[in-house]
Amino acid sequence: AYAQGVPFFHAGDEILRSKSLDRDSYNSGDHFNRLLWDMSGNNFGVGLPPAEKNAEKYDMIRPLLANRASLAPDANLIRRTSEAFQELLRVRRSSPLFRLRTQEDVQARMFFDAPLEDGVVVFAIVDGGERGAAPELSQLDAHHAMVVVVLNARAETYVHKCGVDPASPPPTATLDELRLPPRRLGHLLDAWKRDGRQLNVHPELQGSVDDVTRECRVLPTRGHGEVGFALSVPPSTAAVFVATRD
């Protein structure tokens, strides 16, 4: 949902649809391809999938299907997953920066922070115009100057220090002096903070339907007498932070 281009979601992803471990259900009929739109279940454990494409995996499949009571999600989890999926779409819809139209725009506006730890991706998408994060670019978003996305696939909370680094020399570039691409996202946020600007958890995620996602935070860091940013993201969470034009 947070990638550029046209996202592809297979029918039923948002309601945890299962085909009972059928790896290729094209010719498996409605029994294995059923979609329970009332979210009463997800069609897991309705039988051993056809042998043609699955027989070689039967030794693995049988015990999993036999454990249906433990593995199949209940209706409450399916509903919460659907709500969380709709939340992702609302975040994507909230800014045209998630829907850049040309290769040139993607190359000019989107950049990644590196190096990072395994299991983490951090990138920013910047807008131009007055009070934009990259004023030399054209303005696409009336409300956001920049969005920052942190994908944390780790089993523990990840804190991304992207402001003043106490171990580094004090930064000197101002926001107006920066031209894309900056060497690191931290350089941009250093200047952003010194310009008196803020970065916040996306409003949709502040009130997320997911308890874990609501733990996302923007934390202050201090170094050389200045305050920077650290983005705290809980395990297995995709977080979005926004900087408005205010």
C-alpha atoms as a PDB file:
ATOM      1  CA  ALA A   1       0.000   0.000   0.000  1.00  0.00           C
ATOM      2  CA  TYR A   2       2.946   2.370   0.585  1.00  0.00           C
ATOM      3  CA  ALA A   3       4.797   1.526  -2.632  1.00  0.00           C
ATOM      4  CA  GLN A   4       4.748   3.573  -5.808  1.00  0.00           C
ATOM      5  CA  GLY A   5       2.829   2.374  -8.848  1.00  0.00           C
ATOM      6  CA  VAL A   6      -0.447   0.427  -8.874  1.00  0.00           C
ATOM      7  CA  PRO A   7      -0.672  -1.900  -5.853  1.00  0.00           C
ATOM      8  CA  PHE A   8      -1.937  -5.433  -6.397  1.00  0.00           C
ATOM      9  CA  PHE A   9      -3.955  -7.173  -3.698  1.00  0.00           C
ATOM     10  CA  HIS A  10      -5.311 -10.639  -4.384  1.00  0.00           C
ATOM     11  CA  ALA A  11      -9.021 -11.033  -3.726  1.00  0.00           C
ATOM     12  CA  GLY A  12      -9.527 -11.891  -0.086  1.00  0.00           C
ATOM     13  CA  ASP A  13      -6.140 -10.707   1.211  1.00  0.00           C
ATOM     14  CA  GLU A  14      -7.981  -8.233   3.422  1.00  0.00           C
ATOM     15  CA  ILE A  15     -10.085 -10.971   5.062  1.00  0.00           C
ATOM     16  CA  LEU A  16      -7.318 -13.581   5.483  1.00  0.00           C
ATOM     17  CA  ARG A  17      -8.728 -15.779   2.716  1.00  0.00           C
ATOM     18  CA  SER A  18      -7.337 -19.329   2.655  1.00  0.00           C
ATOM     19  CA  LYS A  19      -7.466 -22.039   0.010  1.00  0.00           C
ATOM     20  CA  SER A  20      -6.590 -24.751   2.526  1.00  0.00           C
ATOM     21  CA  LEU A  21      -2.943 -24.757   1.391  1.00  0.00           C
ATOM     22  CA  ASP A  22      -3.811 -25.393  -2.264  1.00  0.00           C
ATOM     23  CA  ARG A  23      -0.785 -23.949  -4.055  1.00  0.00           C
ATOM     24  CA  ASP A  24      -2.564 -23.644  -7.421  1.00  0.00           C
ATOM     25  CA  SER A  25      -6.346 -23.481  -7.133  1.00  0.00           C
ATOM     26  CA  TYR A  26      -7.122 -22.459 -10.730  1.00  0.00           C
ATOM     27  CA  ASN A  27      -8.968 -25.739 -11.391  1.00  0.00           C
ATOM     28  CA  SER A  28      -9.960 -26.504  -7.794  1.00  0.00           C
ATOM     29  CA  GLY A  29     -13.531 -25.227  -8.006  1.00  0.00           C
ATOM     30  CA  ASP A  30     -15.543 -23.142  -5.573  1.00  0.00           C
ATOM     31  CA  HIS A  31     -14.895 -25.449  -2.627  1.00  0.00           C
ATOM     32  CA  PHE A  32     -11.283 -24.316  -2.281  1.00  0.00           C
ATOM     33  CA  ASN A  33     -11.716 -20.853  -3.812  1.00  0.00           C
ATOM     34  CA  ARG A  34     -14.624 -19.776  -1.659  1.00  0.00           C
ATOM     35  CA  LEU A  35     -14.693 -16.208  -0.321  1.00  0.00           C
ATOM     36  CA  LEU A  36     -16.628 -15.681   2.906  1.00  0.00           C
ATOM     37  CA  TRP A  37     -17.624 -12.038   2.579  1.00  0.00           C
ATOM     38  CA  ASP A  38     -19.527 -12.169   5.867  1.00  0.00           C
ATOM     39  CA  MET A  39     -16.143 -12.745   7.571  1.00  0.00           C
ATOM     40  CA  SER A  40     -17.468 -15.694   9.541  1.00  0.00           C
ATOM     41  CA  GLY A  41     -14.376 -17.694   8.578  1.00  0.00           C
ATOM     42  CA  ASN A  42     -11.599 -17.841   6.006  1.00  0.00           C
ATOM     43  CA  ASN A  43     -12.105 -21.285   4.365  1.00  0.00           C
ATOM     44  CA  PHE A  44      -9.052 -22.880   5.987  1.00  0.00           C
ATOM     45  CA  GLY A  45      -9.219 -26.606   6.653  1.00  0.00           C
ATOM     46  CA  VAL A  46     -12.053 -27.511   4.275  1.00  0.00           C
ATOM     47  CA  GLY A  47     -10.250 -30.588   3.001  1.00  0.00           C
ATOM     48  CA  LEU A  48      -7.047 -31.916   1.472  1.00  0.00           C
ATOM     49  CA  PRO A  49      -6.362 -29.903  -1.714  1.00  0.00           C
ATOM     50  CA  PRO A  50      -6.331 -31.737  -5.085  1.00  0.00           C
ATOM     51  CA  ALA A  51      -3.406 -34.087  -5.587  1.00  0.00           C
ATOM     52  CA  GLU A  52      -2.434 -32.833  -9.051  1.00  0.00           C
ATOM     53  CA  LYS A  53      -0.544 -29.795  -7.758  1.00  0.00           C
ATOM     54  CA  ASN A  54      -0.247 -30.637  -4.066  1.00  0.00           C
ATOM     55  CA  ALA A  55       0.448 -34.351  -3.524  1.00  0.00           C
ATOM     56  CA  GLU A  56       4.183 -33.918  -3.069  1.00  0.00           C
ATOM     57  CA  LYS A  57       3.463 -31.668  -0.053  1.00  0.00           C
ATOM     58  CA  TYR A  58       0.777 -33.816   1.575  1.00  0.00           C
ATOM     59  CA  ASP A  59       3.062 -34.886   4.418  1.00  0.00           C
ATOM     60  CA  MET A  60       3.389 -31.238   5.402  1.00  0.00           C
ATOM     61  CA  ILE A  61      -0.207 -30.246   4.616  1.00  0.00           C
ATOM     62  CA  ARG A  62      -2.066 -32.999   6.492  1.00  0.00           C
ATOM     63  CA  PRO A  63      -0.936 -32.116  10.048  1.00  0.00           C
ATOM     64  CA  LEU A  64      -1.568 -28.419   9.436  1.00  0.00           C
ATOM     65  CA  LEU A  65      -5.119 -29.005   8.233  1.00  0.00           C
ATOM     66  CA  ALA A  66      -5.690 -31.334  11.162  1.00  0.00           C
ATOM     67  CA  ASN A  67      -4.802 -28.453  13.468  1.00  0.00           C
ATOM     68  CA  ARG A  68      -7.548 -26.226  12.118  1.00  0.00           C
ATOM     69  CA  ALA A  69      -8.826 -25.248  15.562  1.00  0.00           C
ATOM     70  CA  SER A  70      -5.489 -23.638  16.418  1.00  0.00           C
ATOM     71  CA  LEU A  71      -4.567 -22.177  13.025  1.00  0.00           C
ATOM     72  CA  ALA A  72      -7.819 -20.820  11.570  1.00  0.00           C
ATOM     73  CA  PRO A  73      -8.542 -17.172  12.506  1.00  0.00           C
ATOM     74  CA  ASP A  74     -11.804 -16.396  14.248  1.00  0.00           C
ATOM     75  CA  ALA A  75     -14.347 -13.882  12.977  1.00  0.00           C
ATOM     76  CA  ASN A  76     -13.063 -11.141  15.257  1.00  0.00           C
ATOM     77  CA  LEU A  77      -9.507 -11.388  13.896  1.00  0.00           C
ATOM     78  CA  ILE A  78     -10.788 -11.395  10.328  1.00  0.00           C
ATOM     79  CA  ARG A  79     -12.834  -8.240  10.951  1.00  0.00           C
ATOM     80  CA  ARG A  80      -9.878  -6.502  12.581  1.00  0.00           C
ATOM     81  CA  THR A  81      -7.678  -7.450   9.636  1.00  0.00           C
ATOM     82  CA  SER A  82     -10.209  -5.963   7.232  1.00  0.00           C
ATOM     83  CA  GLU A  83     -10.309  -2.756   9.262  1.00  0.00           C
ATOM     84  CA  ALA A  84      -6.505  -2.569   9.340  1.00  0.00           C
ATOM     85  CA  PHE A  85      -6.366  -3.082   5.579  1.00  0.00           C
ATOM     86  CA  GLN A  86      -8.821  -0.233   5.013  1.00  0.00           C
ATOM     87  CA  GLU A  87      -6.652   1.890   7.296  1.00  0.00           C
ATOM     88  CA  LEU A  88      -3.627   1.243   5.048  1.00  0.00           C
ATOM     89  CA  LEU A  89      -5.656   2.376   2.047  1.00  0.00           C
ATOM     90  CA  ARG A  90      -6.738   5.574   3.828  1.00  0.00           C
ATOM     91  CA  VAL A  91      -3.106   6.392   4.585  1.00  0.00           C
ATOM     92  CA  ARG A  92      -2.190   5.836   0.945  1.00  0.00           C
ATOM     93  CA  ARG A  93      -5.118   7.970  -0.192  1.00  0.00           C
ATOM     94  CA  SER A  94      -4.191  10.803   2.179  1.00  0.00           C
ATOM     95  CA  SER A  95      -1.289  12.005   0.019  1.00  0.00           C
ATOM     96  CA  PRO A  96      -0.550  12.018  -3.713  1.00  0.00           C
ATOM     97  CA  LEU A  97       3.094  11.458  -2.727  1.00  0.00           C
ATOM     98  CA  PHE A  98       2.200   7.767  -2.434  1.00  0.00           C
ATOM     99  CA  ARG A  99       0.955   7.839  -6.040  1.00  0.00           C
ATOM    100  CA  LEU A 100       3.679   9.526  -8.087  1.00  0.00           C
ATOM    101  CA  ARG A 101       2.903   9.406 -11.799  1.00  0.00           C
ATOM    102  CA  THR A 102       6.291   9.380 -13.524  1.00  0.00           C
ATOM    103  CA  GLN A 103       9.690   7.745 -13.190  1.00  0.00           C
ATOM    104  CA  GLU A 104      11.245  11.193 -13.001  1.00  0.00           C
ATOM    105  CA  ASP A 105       9.100  12.130 -10.007  1.00  0.00           C
ATOM    106  CA  VAL A 106       9.970   8.890  -8.198  1.00  0.00           C
ATOM    107  CA  GLN A 107      13.689   9.465  -8.752  1.00  0.00           C
ATOM    108  CA  ALA A 108      13.517  13.108  -7.648  1.00  0.00           C
ATOM    109  CA  ARG A 109      11.198  12.768  -4.662  1.00  0.00           C
ATOM    110  CA  MET A 110      11.776   9.332  -3.125  1.00  0.00           C
ATOM    111  CA  PHE A 111      14.974   8.272  -1.417  1.00  0.00           C
ATOM    112  CA  PHE A 112      16.107   5.687   1.099  1.00  0.00           C
ATOM    113  CA  ASP A 113      18.197   5.978   4.219  1.00  0.00           C
ATOM    114  CA  ALA A 114      21.213   3.655   4.413  1.00  0.00           C
ATOM    115  CA  PRO A 115      22.937   1.718   5.780  1.00  0.00           C
ATOM    116  CA  LEU A 116      20.281   0.057   7.903  1.00  0.00           C
ATOM    117  CA  GLU A 117      19.946  -3.027  10.038  1.00  0.00           C
ATOM    118  CA  ASP A 118      18.540  -6.265   8.608  1.00  0.00           C
ATOM    119  CA  GLY A 119      14.764  -6.331   8.409  1.00  0.00           C
ATOM    120  CA  VAL A 120      14.298  -2.554   8.218  1.00  0.00           C
ATOM    121  CA  VAL A 121      13.546  -0.216   5.307  1.00  0.00           C
ATOM    122  CA  VAL A 122      13.281   3.565   5.727  1.00  0.00           C
ATOM    123  CA  PHE A 123      12.406   5.972   2.938  1.00  0.00           C
ATOM    124  CA  ALA A 124      11.087   9.488   2.470  1.00  0.00           C
ATOM    125  CA  ILE A 125       8.909  11.018  -0.233  1.00  0.00           C
ATOM    126  CA  VAL A 126       9.261  14.790  -0.420  1.00  0.00           C
ATOM    127  CA  ASP A 127       7.101  17.510  -1.920  1.00  0.00           C
ATOM    128  CA  GLY A 128       8.084  20.880  -3.306  1.00  0.00           C
ATOM    129  CA  GLY A 129       6.681  24.358  -3.394  1.00  0.00           C
ATOM    130  CA  GLU A 130       6.351  26.823  -0.540  1.00  0.00           C
ATOM    131  CA  ARG A 131       7.249  25.217   2.803  1.00  0.00           C
ATOM    132  CA  GLY A 132       7.858  21.890   1.071  1.00  0.00           C
ATOM    133  CA  ALA A 133      10.762  19.656   2.051  1.00  0.00           C
ATOM    134  CA  ALA A 134      12.306  20.240  -1.392  1.00  0.00           C
ATOM    135  CA  PRO A 135      11.197  23.742  -2.430  1.00  0.00           C
ATOM    136  CA  GLU A 136      12.826  23.464  -5.869  1.00  0.00           C
ATOM    137  CA  LEU A 137      10.328  20.763  -6.894  1.00  0.00           C
ATOM    138  CA  SER A 138       6.731  21.365  -7.941  1.00  0.00           C
ATOM    139  CA  GLN A 139       4.001  21.025  -5.322  1.00  0.00           C
ATOM    140  CA  LEU A 140       1.764  17.952  -5.499  1.00  0.00           C
ATOM    141  CA  ASP A 141       0.287  17.787  -1.998  1.00  0.00           C
ATOM    142  CA  ALA A 142      -1.647  20.681  -0.478  1.00  0.00           C
ATOM    143  CA  HIS A 143      -1.112  19.457   3.091  1.00  0.00           C
ATOM    144  CA  HIS A 144       2.082  17.400   3.387  1.00  0.00           C
ATOM    145  CA  ALA A 145       5.627  18.599   2.835  1.00  0.00           C
ATOM    146  CA  MET A 146       7.068  15.115   3.285  1.00  0.00           C
ATOM    147  CA  VAL A 147       6.149  11.590   4.332  1.00  0.00           C
ATOM    148  CA  VAL A 148       8.568   9.138   5.931  1.00  0.00           C
ATOM    149  CA  VAL A 149       7.896   5.388   5.913  1.00  0.00           C
ATOM    150  CA  VAL A 150       9.565   2.875   8.236  1.00  0.00           C
ATOM    151  CA  LEU A 151       9.039  -0.833   7.544  1.00  0.00           C
ATOM    152  CA  ASN A 152      10.114  -2.881  10.550  1.00  0.00           C
ATOM    153  CA  ALA A 153      10.042  -6.648   9.907  1.00  0.00           C
ATOM    154  CA  ARG A 154      12.101  -7.380  13.016  1.00  0.00           C
ATOM    155  CA  ALA A 155      10.847  -9.126  16.143  1.00  0.00           C
ATOM    156  CA  GLU A 156      11.691  -6.118  18.312  1.00  0.00           C
ATOM    157  CA  THR A 157      11.060  -2.375  18.304  1.00  0.00           C
ATOM    158  CA  TYR A 158      13.308  -0.447  15.937  1.00  0.00           C
ATOM    159  CA  VAL A 159      14.412   3.110  16.728  1.00  0.00           C
ATOM    160  CA  HIS A 160      15.677   5.027  13.720  1.00  0.00           C
ATOM    161  CA  LYS A 161      17.863   7.948  14.719  1.00  0.00           C
ATOM    162  CA  CYS A 162      17.417  10.481  11.970  1.00  0.00           C
ATOM    163  CA  GLY A 163      18.278  13.844  13.381  1.00  0.00           C
ATOM    164  CA  VAL A 164      21.151  15.113  15.408  1.00  0.00           C
ATOM    165  CA  ASP A 165      23.661  12.303  15.979  1.00  0.00           C
ATOM    166  CA  PRO A 166      25.604  12.980  19.202  1.00  0.00           C
ATOM    167  CA  ALA A 167      28.589  11.078  17.777  1.00  0.00           C
ATOM    168  CA  SER A 168      28.791  13.228  14.633  1.00  0.00           C
ATOM    169  CA  PRO A 169      29.952  16.833  14.134  1.00  0.00           C
ATOM    170  CA  PRO A 170      27.168  19.403  14.464  1.00  0.00           C
ATOM    171  CA  PRO A 171      25.209  19.769  11.200  1.00  0.00           C
ATOM    172  CA  THR A 172      25.359  23.076   9.376  1.00  0.00           C
ATOM    173  CA  ALA A 173      23.123  22.871   6.280  1.00  0.00           C
ATOM    174  CA  THR A 174      19.850  24.753   6.359  1.00  0.00           C
ATOM    175  CA  LEU A 175      16.657  23.519   4.768  1.00  0.00           C
ATOM    176  CA  ASP A 176      16.948  26.018   1.910  1.00  0.00           C
ATOM    177  CA  GLU A 177      20.546  24.922   1.232  1.00  0.00           C
ATOM    178  CA  LEU A 178      19.681  21.234   0.857  1.00  0.00           C
ATOM    179  CA  ARG A 179      19.205  19.870  -2.656  1.00  0.00           C
ATOM    180  CA  LEU A 180      18.064  16.349  -3.397  1.00  0.00           C
ATOM    181  CA  PRO A 181      19.168  13.728  -2.988  1.00  0.00           C
ATOM    182  CA  PRO A 182      20.669  14.389   0.448  1.00  0.00           C
ATOM    183  CA  ARG A 183      23.255  11.828   1.525  1.00  0.00           C
ATOM    184  CA  ARG A 184      20.966  10.614   4.290  1.00  0.00           C
ATOM    185  CA  LEU A 185      17.437  11.183   5.450  1.00  0.00           C
ATOM    186  CA  GLY A 186      18.942  12.394   8.719  1.00  0.00           C
ATOM    187  CA  HIS A 187      20.537  15.385   6.989  1.00  0.00           C
ATOM    188  CA  LEU A 188      17.147  16.508   5.717  1.00  0.00           C
ATOM    189  CA  LEU A 189      15.537  16.105   9.146  1.00  0.00           C
ATOM    190  CA  ASP A 190      18.395  17.936  10.844  1.00  0.00           C
ATOM    191  CA  ALA A 191      17.603  20.956   8.710  1.00  0.00           C
ATOM    192  CA  TRP A 192      13.881  20.373   9.083  1.00  0.00           C
ATOM    193  CA  LYS A 193      14.100  20.565  12.873  1.00  0.00           C
ATOM    194  CA  ARG A 194      16.337  23.627  12.876  1.00  0.00           C
ATOM    195  CA  ASP A 195      13.756  25.338  10.682  1.00  0.00           C
ATOM    196  CA  GLY A 196      11.248  24.816  13.500  1.00  0.00           C
ATOM    197  CA  ARG A 197       9.244  22.163  11.621  1.00  0.00           C
ATOM    198  CA  GLN A 198       7.643  19.029  13.052  1.00  0.00           C
ATOM    199  CA  LEU A 199       7.326  15.351  12.125  1.00  0.00           C
ATOM    200  CA  ASN A 200       4.408  13.311  13.500  1.00  0.00           C
ATOM    201  CA  VAL A 201       2.889   9.856  13.313  1.00  0.00           C
ATOM    202  CA  HIS A 202       0.256   9.841  10.566  1.00  0.00           C
ATOM    203  CA  PRO A 203      -3.153  10.749  12.110  1.00  0.00           C
ATOM    204  CA  GLU A 204      -4.727   7.508  10.849  1.00  0.00           C
ATOM    205  CA  LEU A 205      -2.077   5.482  12.681  1.00  0.00           C
ATOM    206  CA  GLN A 206      -2.287   7.515  15.877  1.00  0.00           C
ATOM    207  CA  GLY A 207      -5.769   6.081  16.286  1.00  0.00           C
ATOM    208  CA  SER A 208      -5.030   2.786  14.562  1.00  0.00           C
ATOM    209  CA  VAL A 209      -7.323  -0.201  14.964  1.00  0.00           C
ATOM    210  CA  ASP A 210      -4.146  -2.156  15.749  1.00  0.00           C
ATOM    211  CA  ASP A 211      -2.866  -1.850  19.316  1.00  0.00           C
ATOM    212  CA  VAL A 212       0.762  -2.379  18.251  1.00  0.00           C
ATOM    213  CA  THR A 213       0.677   0.238  15.491  1.00  0.00           C
ATOM    214  CA  ARG A 214      -0.558   2.824  17.994  1.00  0.00           C
ATOM    215  CA  GLU A 215       2.816   2.476  19.756  1.00  0.00           C
ATOM    216  CA  CYS A 216       4.644   4.295  16.929  1.00  0.00           C
ATOM    217  CA  ARG A 217       6.372   7.406  18.281  1.00  0.00           C
ATOM    218  CA  VAL A 218       8.514  10.373  17.284  1.00  0.00           C
ATOM    219  CA  LEU A 219      11.133  10.754  20.021  1.00  0.00           C
ATOM    220  CA  PRO A 220      13.471  13.681  20.604  1.00  0.00           C
ATOM    221  CA  THR A 221      17.231  13.134  20.571  1.00  0.00           C
ATOM    222  CA  ARG A 222      19.835  15.607  21.781  1.00  0.00           C
ATOM    223  CA  GLY A 223      23.334  16.377  20.612  1.00  0.00           C
ATOM    224  CA  HIS A 224      25.524  19.465  20.277  1.00  0.00           C
ATOM    225  CA  GLY A 225      22.868  21.487  22.073  1.00  0.00           C
ATOM    226  CA  GLU A 226      20.242  20.705  19.436  1.00  0.00           C
ATOM    227  CA  VAL A 227      17.210  18.434  19.346  1.00  0.00           C
ATOM    228  CA  GLY A 228      16.758  15.874  16.578  1.00  0.00           C
ATOM    229  CA  PHE A 229      14.372  13.034  15.773  1.00  0.00           C
ATOM    230  CA  ALA A 230      14.179   9.329  16.435  1.00  0.00           C
ATOM    231  CA  LEU A 231      11.383   7.262  14.936  1.00  0.00           C
ATOM    232  CA  SER A 232      10.272   4.397  17.177  1.00  0.00           C
ATOM    233  CA  VAL A 233       8.449   1.592  15.367  1.00  0.00           C
ATOM    234  CA  PRO A 234       7.191  -1.585  17.111  1.00  0.00           C
ATOM    235  CA  PRO A 235       7.840  -5.100  15.749  1.00  0.00           C
ATOM    236  CA  SER A 236       6.310  -6.252  12.450  1.00  0.00           C
ATOM    237  CA  THR A 237       4.882  -2.808  11.741  1.00  0.00           C
ATOM    238  CA  ALA A 238       4.704  -0.486   8.747  1.00  0.00           C
ATOM    239  CA  ALA A 239       4.751   3.080  10.092  1.00  0.00           C
ATOM    240  CA  VAL A 240       4.127   6.377   8.330  1.00  0.00           C
ATOM    241  CA  PHE A 241       5.261   9.752   9.660  1.00  0.00           C
ATOM    242  CA  VAL A 242       4.202  13.045   8.107  1.00  0.00           C
ATOM    243  CA  ALA A 243       5.463  16.586   7.999  1.00  0.00           C
ATOM    244  CA  THR A 244       2.762  19.132   7.243  1.00  0.00           C
ATOM    245  CA  ARG A 245       3.165  22.536   5.616  1.00  0.00           C
ATOM    246  CA  ASP A 246       2.028  24.346   8.797  1.00  0.00           C
END
